[in-house]
Amino acid sequence: MHEEPRVTVLRLGHRPGRDERMTTHVGLTARALGADGVVLANAARNQADTVVDITDRFGGPFDVSSTDEPRKLIRDFEGRLVHLTMYGEPVQEVEADVREAHAEGPLLVVVGAEKVPFEVYEHADWNVGVTNQPHSEVASLAVFLDRLFEGRELDREWDDPDRVVVPQETGKRVVDPDDE
């Protein structure tokens, strides 16, 4: 069976005291919606712990790492680079090209926090806008991944979860999968 090439999300930038929840949500969204891993840049190591904890409890695989050299990661990445920005080409106009490129090799999806250095725009194979209006980078990542995977990520099954959410019309039900 042919395994699809990897998708890694790079959270570029992190403003301590301001971006804790947003950076955590970038990691959780990447995990839940089909990426294979997240790399958190610079001061976001505490958020990595939260994403690892969720992966341990709700299943994987999902890789979480951090880097003090995000620009080097971007420069040296062996694959195609997608930069999510409100200034980019509309996602609906480039999604087929990105999907085709992903079939041939890995993708690095860059999601910024603060002002993104111009070199990221230059290194990107695609600067992609999910609408060209200000909104959350988490929303952009979610829409982009759903477009990339064409909804297949919504049916994903997780390896070795300690907990499983049981979908139901009302209420909350979380169970140990070994008890089911």
N, C-alpha and C. Protein backbone atom coordinates (compact mmCIF):
# COMPACT_ATOMS: atom_id res chain seq x y z
N MET A 1 0.85 -1.19 0.00
CA MET A 1 0.00 0.00 0.00
C MET A 1 0.89 1.24 0.00
N HIS A 2 0.60 2.19 -0.88
CA HIS A 2 1.37 3.42 -0.99
C HIS A 2 0.94 4.41 0.09
N GLU A 3 1.91 4.89 0.85
CA GLU A 3 1.61 5.87 1.89
C GLU A 3 1.74 7.27 1.33
N GLU A 4 0.79 8.11 1.64
CA GLU A 4 0.79 9.50 1.16
C GLU A 4 1.96 10.27 1.78
N PRO A 5 2.59 11.14 1.02
CA PRO A 5 3.69 11.95 1.58
C PRO A 5 3.23 12.79 2.77
N ARG A 6 4.17 13.15 3.59
CA ARG A 6 3.90 13.86 4.83
C ARG A 6 3.46 15.31 4.63
N VAL A 7 2.66 15.76 5.58
CA VAL A 7 2.30 17.17 5.70
C VAL A 7 2.74 17.60 7.09
N THR A 8 3.62 18.60 7.13
CA THR A 8 4.09 19.14 8.40
C THR A 8 3.69 20.61 8.46
N VAL A 9 3.19 21.02 9.61
CA VAL A 9 2.80 22.42 9.83
C VAL A 9 3.88 23.08 10.67
N LEU A 10 4.35 24.23 10.23
CA LEU A 10 5.31 25.04 10.99
C LEU A 10 4.58 26.25 11.53
N ARG A 11 4.52 26.36 12.84
CA ARG A 11 3.99 27.56 13.48
C ARG A 11 5.15 28.53 13.60
N LEU A 12 5.16 29.52 12.75
CA LEU A 12 6.25 30.48 12.66
C LEU A 12 5.93 31.67 13.55
N GLY A 13 6.74 31.86 14.56
CA GLY A 13 6.51 32.96 15.48
C GLY A 13 5.63 32.52 16.63
N HIS A 14 5.84 33.13 17.76
CA HIS A 14 5.03 32.87 18.94
C HIS A 14 5.33 33.98 19.92
N ARG A 15 4.31 34.74 20.27
CA ARG A 15 4.48 35.85 21.19
C ARG A 15 4.03 35.40 22.59
N PRO A 16 5.00 35.11 23.49
CA PRO A 16 4.63 34.67 24.83
C PRO A 16 3.70 35.66 25.49
N GLY A 17 2.72 35.13 26.21
CA GLY A 17 1.74 35.97 26.87
C GLY A 17 0.58 36.35 25.98
N ARG A 18 0.73 36.16 24.69
CA ARG A 18 -0.32 36.55 23.76
C ARG A 18 -0.82 35.37 22.92
N ASP A 19 0.10 34.46 22.54
CA ASP A 19 -0.24 33.43 21.55
C ASP A 19 -0.35 32.02 22.12
N GLU A 20 -0.36 31.84 23.44
CA GLU A 20 -0.37 30.48 23.99
C GLU A 20 -1.51 29.63 23.44
N ARG A 21 -2.73 30.13 23.56
CA ARG A 21 -3.87 29.33 23.10
C ARG A 21 -3.87 29.18 21.58
N MET A 22 -3.52 30.24 20.86
CA MET A 22 -3.52 30.18 19.40
C MET A 22 -2.51 29.16 18.89
N THR A 23 -1.31 29.18 19.46
CA THR A 23 -0.28 28.23 19.05
C THR A 23 -0.71 26.81 19.39
N THR A 24 -1.26 26.60 20.57
CA THR A 24 -1.78 25.28 20.92
C THR A 24 -2.84 24.84 19.93
N HIS A 25 -3.73 25.74 19.56
CA HIS A 25 -4.81 25.39 18.64
C HIS A 25 -4.31 25.12 17.22
N VAL A 26 -3.22 25.78 16.82
CA VAL A 26 -2.61 25.45 15.53
C VAL A 26 -2.16 23.99 15.56
N GLY A 27 -1.49 23.59 16.64
CA GLY A 27 -1.03 22.20 16.76
C GLY A 27 -2.17 21.21 16.81
N LEU A 28 -3.20 21.51 17.58
CA LEU A 28 -4.33 20.59 17.70
C LEU A 28 -5.12 20.49 16.40
N THR A 29 -5.26 21.61 15.70
CA THR A 29 -5.96 21.61 14.42
C THR A 29 -5.17 20.83 13.38
N ALA A 30 -3.86 21.03 13.36
CA ALA A 30 -3.01 20.26 12.44
C ALA A 30 -3.21 18.77 12.67
N ARG A 31 -3.18 18.36 13.92
CA ARG A 31 -3.35 16.95 14.28
C ARG A 31 -4.72 16.43 13.88
N ALA A 32 -5.75 17.14 14.28
CA ALA A 32 -7.12 16.65 14.06
C ALA A 32 -7.51 16.61 12.59
N LEU A 33 -6.90 17.49 11.78
CA LEU A 33 -7.36 17.60 10.39
C LEU A 33 -6.35 17.07 9.38
N GLY A 34 -5.51 16.12 9.81
CA GLY A 34 -4.79 15.32 8.84
C GLY A 34 -3.31 15.54 8.67
N ALA A 35 -2.73 16.59 9.27
CA ALA A 35 -1.28 16.76 9.15
C ALA A 35 -0.59 15.64 9.92
N ASP A 36 0.66 15.39 9.58
CA ASP A 36 1.43 14.34 10.23
C ASP A 36 2.25 14.85 11.40
N GLY A 37 2.45 16.17 11.45
CA GLY A 37 3.23 16.72 12.54
C GLY A 37 3.19 18.23 12.54
N VAL A 38 3.67 18.78 13.65
CA VAL A 38 3.77 20.23 13.79
C VAL A 38 5.14 20.55 14.36
N VAL A 39 5.72 21.63 13.87
CA VAL A 39 6.98 22.16 14.40
C VAL A 39 6.66 23.54 14.95
N LEU A 40 6.95 23.73 16.22
CA LEU A 40 6.68 25.01 16.87
C LEU A 40 7.98 25.78 17.00
N ALA A 41 7.97 27.01 16.55
CA ALA A 41 9.18 27.81 16.52
C ALA A 41 9.39 28.55 17.83
N ASN A 42 10.64 28.60 18.23
CA ASN A 42 11.14 29.44 19.30
C ASN A 42 10.47 29.21 20.64
N ALA A 43 9.73 30.17 21.14
CA ALA A 43 9.27 30.19 22.52
C ALA A 43 8.00 29.38 22.78
N ALA A 44 7.66 28.44 21.94
CA ALA A 44 6.38 27.75 22.06
C ALA A 44 6.50 26.34 22.63
N ARG A 45 7.55 26.06 23.35
CA ARG A 45 7.77 24.69 23.84
C ARG A 45 6.68 24.21 24.80
N ASN A 46 6.11 25.09 25.61
CA ASN A 46 5.04 24.68 26.53
C ASN A 46 3.81 24.23 25.76
N GLN A 47 3.55 24.85 24.62
CA GLN A 47 2.40 24.45 23.82
C GLN A 47 2.64 23.07 23.21
N ALA A 48 3.88 22.74 22.93
CA ALA A 48 4.20 21.40 22.41
C ALA A 48 3.77 20.34 23.42
N ASP A 49 3.98 20.59 24.70
CA ASP A 49 3.60 19.63 25.73
C ASP A 49 2.10 19.34 25.69
N THR A 50 1.29 20.36 25.48
CA THR A 50 -0.16 20.17 25.42
C THR A 50 -0.55 19.32 24.22
N VAL A 51 0.05 19.57 23.07
CA VAL A 51 -0.28 18.80 21.87
C VAL A 51 0.17 17.35 22.03
N VAL A 52 1.33 17.13 22.63
CA VAL A 52 1.80 15.77 22.91
C VAL A 52 0.83 15.06 23.85
N ASP A 53 0.37 15.76 24.89
CA ASP A 53 -0.57 15.17 25.85
C ASP A 53 -1.87 14.75 25.14
N ILE A 54 -2.41 15.59 24.28
CA ILE A 54 -3.64 15.25 23.56
C ILE A 54 -3.40 14.04 22.66
N THR A 55 -2.25 14.01 21.99
CA THR A 55 -1.92 12.87 21.12
C THR A 55 -1.82 11.60 21.95
N ASP A 56 -1.20 11.67 23.11
CA ASP A 56 -1.09 10.50 23.98
C ASP A 56 -2.47 10.01 24.43
N ARG A 57 -3.36 10.93 24.73
CA ARG A 57 -4.68 10.53 25.23
C ARG A 57 -5.65 10.12 24.13
N PHE A 58 -5.63 10.83 22.99
CA PHE A 58 -6.64 10.60 21.95
C PHE A 58 -6.09 9.86 20.73
N GLY A 59 -4.83 9.48 20.74
CA GLY A 59 -4.28 8.65 19.68
C GLY A 59 -3.43 9.41 18.69
N GLY A 60 -2.66 8.65 17.97
CA GLY A 60 -1.73 9.21 17.00
C GLY A 60 -1.78 8.37 15.75
N PRO A 61 -0.75 8.40 14.98
CA PRO A 61 0.50 9.09 15.23
C PRO A 61 0.42 10.57 14.87
N PHE A 62 1.23 11.37 15.56
CA PHE A 62 1.37 12.79 15.26
C PHE A 62 2.67 13.25 15.90
N ASP A 63 3.55 13.81 15.09
CA ASP A 63 4.86 14.26 15.58
C ASP A 63 4.80 15.71 16.02
N VAL A 64 5.41 15.99 17.16
CA VAL A 64 5.48 17.35 17.69
C VAL A 64 6.95 17.65 17.99
N SER A 65 7.44 18.74 17.43
CA SER A 65 8.82 19.14 17.70
C SER A 65 8.90 20.66 17.75
N SER A 66 10.07 21.15 18.12
CA SER A 66 10.28 22.59 18.14
C SER A 66 11.63 22.89 17.50
N THR A 67 11.79 24.14 17.10
CA THR A 67 13.03 24.56 16.49
C THR A 67 13.35 25.98 16.90
N ASP A 68 14.64 26.24 17.08
CA ASP A 68 15.10 27.61 17.29
C ASP A 68 15.52 28.24 15.97
N GLU A 69 15.45 27.46 14.88
CA GLU A 69 15.87 27.95 13.57
C GLU A 69 14.79 27.70 12.51
N PRO A 70 13.64 28.35 12.66
CA PRO A 70 12.56 28.11 11.69
C PRO A 70 12.92 28.53 10.27
N ARG A 71 13.70 29.59 10.12
CA ARG A 71 14.08 30.02 8.77
C ARG A 71 14.97 28.98 8.09
N LYS A 72 15.83 28.34 8.85
CA LYS A 72 16.67 27.27 8.31
C LYS A 72 15.79 26.09 7.88
N LEU A 73 14.80 25.75 8.70
CA LEU A 73 13.87 24.68 8.34
C LEU A 73 13.19 25.00 7.00
N ILE A 74 12.76 26.22 6.84
CA ILE A 74 12.10 26.63 5.60
C ILE A 74 13.08 26.54 4.42
N ARG A 75 14.28 27.06 4.60
CA ARG A 75 15.28 27.04 3.51
C ARG A 75 15.67 25.62 3.12
N ASP A 76 15.81 24.72 4.11
CA ASP A 76 16.34 23.39 3.86
C ASP A 76 15.27 22.33 3.62
N PHE A 77 14.00 22.69 3.70
CA PHE A 77 12.93 21.70 3.56
C PHE A 77 12.96 21.06 2.18
N GLU A 78 12.93 19.73 2.16
CA GLU A 78 12.95 18.98 0.90
C GLU A 78 11.52 18.60 0.54
N GLY A 79 10.86 19.49 -0.11
CA GLY A 79 9.47 19.32 -0.50
C GLY A 79 8.95 20.67 -0.95
N ARG A 80 7.64 20.79 -0.96
CA ARG A 80 7.01 22.03 -1.39
C ARG A 80 6.51 22.79 -0.17
N LEU A 81 6.51 24.12 -0.29
CA LEU A 81 6.16 24.98 0.83
C LEU A 81 4.89 25.77 0.52
N VAL A 82 3.95 25.70 1.45
CA VAL A 82 2.70 26.46 1.38
C VAL A 82 2.70 27.43 2.55
N HIS A 83 2.54 28.71 2.25
CA HIS A 83 2.48 29.73 3.30
C HIS A 83 1.04 30.25 3.33
N LEU A 84 0.38 30.09 4.48
CA LEU A 84 -0.99 30.59 4.62
C LEU A 84 -0.94 32.05 5.05
N THR A 85 -1.52 32.91 4.22
CA THR A 85 -1.50 34.35 4.47
C THR A 85 -2.73 34.97 3.82
N MET A 86 -3.27 36.01 4.41
CA MET A 86 -4.43 36.65 3.79
C MET A 86 -4.06 37.36 2.50
N TYR A 87 -2.76 37.52 2.24
CA TYR A 87 -2.31 38.21 1.04
C TYR A 87 -2.06 37.27 -0.13
N GLY A 88 -2.35 35.99 0.03
CA GLY A 88 -2.03 35.01 -0.99
C GLY A 88 -3.11 34.81 -2.03
N GLU A 89 -2.79 33.88 -2.94
CA GLU A 89 -3.76 33.50 -3.97
C GLU A 89 -4.91 32.75 -3.30
N PRO A 90 -6.13 32.91 -3.79
CA PRO A 90 -7.27 32.22 -3.19
C PRO A 90 -7.07 30.70 -3.16
N VAL A 91 -7.35 30.10 -2.02
CA VAL A 91 -7.17 28.66 -1.85
C VAL A 91 -7.90 27.87 -2.93
N GLN A 92 -9.07 28.32 -3.30
CA GLN A 92 -9.86 27.58 -4.29
C GLN A 92 -9.22 27.60 -5.67
N GLU A 93 -8.31 28.54 -5.91
CA GLU A 93 -7.64 28.61 -7.21
C GLU A 93 -6.35 27.80 -7.26
N VAL A 94 -5.79 27.45 -6.10
CA VAL A 94 -4.51 26.72 -6.10
C VAL A 94 -4.60 25.33 -5.48
N GLU A 95 -5.73 24.99 -4.89
CA GLU A 95 -5.81 23.73 -4.15
C GLU A 95 -5.50 22.51 -5.01
N ALA A 96 -5.93 22.49 -6.26
CA ALA A 96 -5.66 21.33 -7.12
C ALA A 96 -4.16 21.19 -7.38
N ASP A 97 -3.48 22.30 -7.62
CA ASP A 97 -2.03 22.26 -7.84
C ASP A 97 -1.29 21.80 -6.58
N VAL A 98 -1.72 22.28 -5.43
CA VAL A 98 -1.09 21.88 -4.17
C VAL A 98 -1.33 20.40 -3.93
N ARG A 99 -2.54 19.94 -4.16
CA ARG A 99 -2.88 18.53 -3.97
C ARG A 99 -2.03 17.64 -4.89
N GLU A 100 -1.86 18.06 -6.12
CA GLU A 100 -1.03 17.32 -7.07
C GLU A 100 0.43 17.27 -6.61
N ALA A 101 0.94 18.39 -6.14
CA ALA A 101 2.32 18.43 -5.64
C ALA A 101 2.47 17.55 -4.41
N HIS A 102 1.45 17.53 -3.56
CA HIS A 102 1.50 16.71 -2.36
C HIS A 102 1.51 15.22 -2.70
N ALA A 103 0.87 14.84 -3.78
CA ALA A 103 0.90 13.44 -4.20
C ALA A 103 2.31 13.00 -4.57
N GLU A 104 3.15 13.96 -4.92
CA GLU A 104 4.51 13.66 -5.36
C GLU A 104 5.55 13.82 -4.25
N GLY A 105 5.21 14.49 -3.16
CA GLY A 105 6.20 14.69 -2.11
C GLY A 105 5.64 15.46 -0.93
N PRO A 106 6.48 15.65 0.08
CA PRO A 106 6.02 16.28 1.32
C PRO A 106 5.71 17.77 1.16
N LEU A 107 4.85 18.23 2.06
CA LEU A 107 4.49 19.65 2.14
C LEU A 107 4.86 20.20 3.51
N LEU A 108 5.34 21.42 3.51
CA LEU A 108 5.50 22.19 4.74
C LEU A 108 4.51 23.34 4.66
N VAL A 109 3.59 23.39 5.61
CA VAL A 109 2.57 24.43 5.65
C VAL A 109 2.97 25.41 6.74
N VAL A 110 3.27 26.65 6.36
CA VAL A 110 3.74 27.67 7.30
C VAL A 110 2.55 28.54 7.73
N VAL A 111 2.39 28.65 9.04
CA VAL A 111 1.33 29.47 9.63
C VAL A 111 2.01 30.47 10.55
N GLY A 112 1.87 31.75 10.25
CA GLY A 112 2.54 32.79 11.02
C GLY A 112 1.77 33.21 12.25
N ALA A 113 2.45 33.92 13.12
CA ALA A 113 1.83 34.53 14.30
C ALA A 113 1.97 36.04 14.17
N GLU A 114 3.21 36.48 14.21
CA GLU A 114 3.48 37.90 14.06
C GLU A 114 3.78 38.18 12.59
N LYS A 115 4.28 39.35 12.30
CA LYS A 115 4.62 39.69 10.92
C LYS A 115 5.61 38.67 10.37
N VAL A 116 5.27 38.09 9.24
CA VAL A 116 6.09 37.04 8.63
C VAL A 116 7.18 37.69 7.78
N PRO A 117 8.43 37.25 7.94
CA PRO A 117 9.51 37.81 7.13
C PRO A 117 9.26 37.61 5.63
N PHE A 118 9.68 38.58 4.84
CA PHE A 118 9.44 38.52 3.39
C PHE A 118 10.06 37.29 2.75
N GLU A 119 11.16 36.80 3.32
CA GLU A 119 11.80 35.63 2.73
C GLU A 119 10.88 34.40 2.74
N VAL A 120 9.93 34.34 3.66
CA VAL A 120 8.97 33.23 3.66
C VAL A 120 8.11 33.30 2.41
N TYR A 121 7.65 34.50 2.07
CA TYR A 121 6.87 34.69 0.84
C TYR A 121 7.69 34.26 -0.38
N GLU A 122 8.98 34.59 -0.37
CA GLU A 122 9.86 34.26 -1.49
C GLU A 122 10.13 32.77 -1.61
N HIS A 123 10.29 32.08 -0.47
CA HIS A 123 10.58 30.64 -0.48
C HIS A 123 9.34 29.80 -0.78
N ALA A 124 8.17 30.36 -0.51
CA ALA A 124 6.93 29.58 -0.68
C ALA A 124 6.68 29.24 -2.14
N ASP A 125 6.26 28.00 -2.36
CA ASP A 125 5.78 27.62 -3.68
C ASP A 125 4.40 28.23 -3.91
N TRP A 126 3.63 28.34 -2.82
CA TRP A 126 2.33 28.99 -2.87
C TRP A 126 2.15 29.84 -1.62
N ASN A 127 1.76 31.08 -1.80
CA ASN A 127 1.24 31.93 -0.73
C ASN A 127 -0.27 31.86 -0.91
N VAL A 128 -0.94 31.28 0.09
CA VAL A 128 -2.35 30.92 -0.06
C VAL A 128 -3.20 31.71 0.92
N GLY A 129 -4.25 32.33 0.39
CA GLY A 129 -5.22 33.04 1.21
C GLY A 129 -6.51 32.26 1.31
N VAL A 130 -7.00 32.12 2.54
CA VAL A 130 -8.33 31.56 2.78
C VAL A 130 -9.20 32.76 3.08
N THR A 131 -9.80 33.27 2.06
CA THR A 131 -10.36 34.62 1.95
C THR A 131 -9.19 35.58 2.06
N ASN A 132 -9.38 36.76 1.65
CA ASN A 132 -8.33 37.77 1.77
C ASN A 132 -8.77 38.81 2.80
N GLN A 133 -9.35 38.30 3.87
CA GLN A 133 -9.83 39.13 4.97
C GLN A 133 -9.12 38.70 6.25
N PRO A 134 -8.96 39.63 7.18
CA PRO A 134 -8.35 39.25 8.46
C PRO A 134 -9.22 38.23 9.20
N HIS A 135 -8.58 37.17 9.65
CA HIS A 135 -9.24 36.19 10.51
C HIS A 135 -8.17 35.32 11.14
N SER A 136 -8.56 34.27 11.79
CA SER A 136 -7.67 33.42 12.55
C SER A 136 -6.81 32.52 11.68
N GLU A 137 -5.53 32.40 12.07
CA GLU A 137 -4.66 31.45 11.37
C GLU A 137 -5.11 30.02 11.60
N VAL A 138 -5.80 29.76 12.70
CA VAL A 138 -6.33 28.42 12.94
C VAL A 138 -7.43 28.11 11.93
N ALA A 139 -8.28 29.07 11.65
CA ALA A 139 -9.33 28.88 10.65
C ALA A 139 -8.72 28.64 9.28
N SER A 140 -7.69 29.41 8.92
CA SER A 140 -7.03 29.21 7.63
C SER A 140 -6.45 27.81 7.52
N LEU A 141 -5.80 27.35 8.57
CA LEU A 141 -5.21 26.02 8.56
C LEU A 141 -6.29 24.95 8.41
N ALA A 142 -7.39 25.11 9.14
CA ALA A 142 -8.47 24.12 9.07
C ALA A 142 -9.06 24.04 7.67
N VAL A 143 -9.35 25.18 7.09
CA VAL A 143 -9.93 25.19 5.74
C VAL A 143 -8.93 24.62 4.74
N PHE A 144 -7.66 25.04 4.85
CA PHE A 144 -6.66 24.56 3.91
C PHE A 144 -6.52 23.04 3.98
N LEU A 145 -6.39 22.48 5.19
CA LEU A 145 -6.22 21.04 5.31
C LEU A 145 -7.44 20.28 4.81
N ASP A 146 -8.62 20.81 5.07
CA ASP A 146 -9.83 20.15 4.57
C ASP A 146 -9.86 20.15 3.04
N ARG A 147 -9.45 21.25 2.44
CA ARG A 147 -9.38 21.32 0.97
C ARG A 147 -8.31 20.38 0.43
N LEU A 148 -7.16 20.33 1.11
CA LEU A 148 -6.07 19.47 0.66
C LEU A 148 -6.49 18.01 0.67
N PHE A 149 -7.12 17.58 1.76
CA PHE A 149 -7.47 16.17 1.91
C PHE A 149 -8.88 15.84 1.41
N GLU A 150 -9.59 16.84 0.91
CA GLU A 150 -10.93 16.66 0.34
C GLU A 150 -11.88 15.95 1.30
N GLY A 151 -11.76 16.27 2.59
CA GLY A 151 -12.66 15.73 3.59
C GLY A 151 -12.30 14.35 4.13
N ARG A 152 -11.31 13.68 3.55
CA ARG A 152 -10.94 12.33 4.01
C ARG A 152 -10.45 12.33 5.45
N GLU A 153 -9.88 13.45 5.89
CA GLU A 153 -9.34 13.52 7.25
C GLU A 153 -10.44 13.41 8.30
N LEU A 154 -11.67 13.67 7.91
CA LEU A 154 -12.77 13.63 8.87
C LEU A 154 -13.13 12.21 9.30
N ASP A 155 -12.70 11.22 8.52
CA ASP A 155 -12.98 9.82 8.84
C ASP A 155 -11.76 9.08 9.38
N ARG A 156 -10.72 9.80 9.70
CA ARG A 156 -9.48 9.18 10.17
C ARG A 156 -9.71 8.38 11.44
N GLU A 157 -9.02 7.26 11.54
CA GLU A 157 -9.01 6.47 12.77
C GLU A 157 -7.64 6.60 13.39
N TRP A 158 -7.59 6.66 14.71
CA TRP A 158 -6.36 6.94 15.45
C TRP A 158 -5.81 5.68 16.07
N ASP A 159 -4.49 5.59 16.11
CA ASP A 159 -3.81 4.45 16.71
C ASP A 159 -3.69 4.64 18.22
N ASP A 160 -3.98 3.58 18.97
CA ASP A 160 -3.74 3.50 20.41
C ASP A 160 -4.29 4.63 21.26
N PRO A 161 -5.54 5.04 21.06
CA PRO A 161 -6.09 6.09 21.93
C PRO A 161 -6.41 5.54 23.32
N ASP A 162 -6.22 6.38 24.33
CA ASP A 162 -6.67 6.05 25.68
C ASP A 162 -8.13 6.44 25.87
N ARG A 163 -8.57 7.39 25.04
CA ARG A 163 -9.94 7.90 25.11
C ARG A 163 -10.49 8.05 23.70
N VAL A 164 -11.78 7.83 23.57
CA VAL A 164 -12.46 7.99 22.29
C VAL A 164 -13.75 8.77 22.55
N VAL A 165 -13.97 9.80 21.75
CA VAL A 165 -15.22 10.56 21.83
C VAL A 165 -16.26 9.79 21.01
N VAL A 166 -17.40 9.52 21.62
CA VAL A 166 -18.48 8.83 20.94
C VAL A 166 -19.46 9.89 20.44
N PRO A 167 -19.57 10.03 19.11
CA PRO A 167 -20.50 11.03 18.59
C PRO A 167 -21.94 10.70 18.97
N GLN A 168 -22.68 11.72 19.35
CA GLN A 168 -24.09 11.55 19.68
C GLN A 168 -24.79 12.88 19.51
N GLU A 169 -26.09 12.81 19.43
CA GLU A 169 -26.88 14.02 19.14
C GLU A 169 -26.77 15.06 20.25
N THR A 170 -26.84 14.63 21.50
CA THR A 170 -26.71 15.55 22.63
C THR A 170 -25.84 14.92 23.70
N GLY A 171 -25.25 15.75 24.52
CA GLY A 171 -24.43 15.26 25.62
C GLY A 171 -23.01 14.98 25.18
N LYS A 172 -22.21 14.60 26.16
CA LYS A 172 -20.80 14.30 25.92
C LYS A 172 -20.54 12.88 26.40
N ARG A 173 -19.86 12.12 25.55
CA ARG A 173 -19.52 10.76 25.95
C ARG A 173 -18.09 10.47 25.47
N VAL A 174 -17.21 10.23 26.43
CA VAL A 174 -15.83 9.87 26.17
C VAL A 174 -15.59 8.55 26.88
N VAL A 175 -15.06 7.56 26.14
CA VAL A 175 -14.90 6.22 26.70
C VAL A 175 -13.48 5.72 26.50
N ASP A 176 -13.14 4.72 27.29
CA ASP A 176 -11.91 3.96 27.11
C ASP A 176 -12.19 2.98 25.98
N PRO A 177 -11.41 2.99 24.89
CA PRO A 177 -11.72 2.13 23.75
C PRO A 177 -11.67 0.64 24.10
N ASP A 178 -10.95 0.27 25.16
CA ASP A 178 -10.88 -1.13 25.55
C ASP A 178 -12.17 -1.59 26.22
N ASP A 179 -13.00 -0.62 26.67
CA ASP A 179 -14.27 -0.97 27.32
C ASP A 179 -15.41 -1.10 26.32
N GLU A 180 -15.18 -0.72 25.08
CA GLU A 180 -16.24 -0.76 24.06
C GLU A 180 -16.40 -2.13 23.50
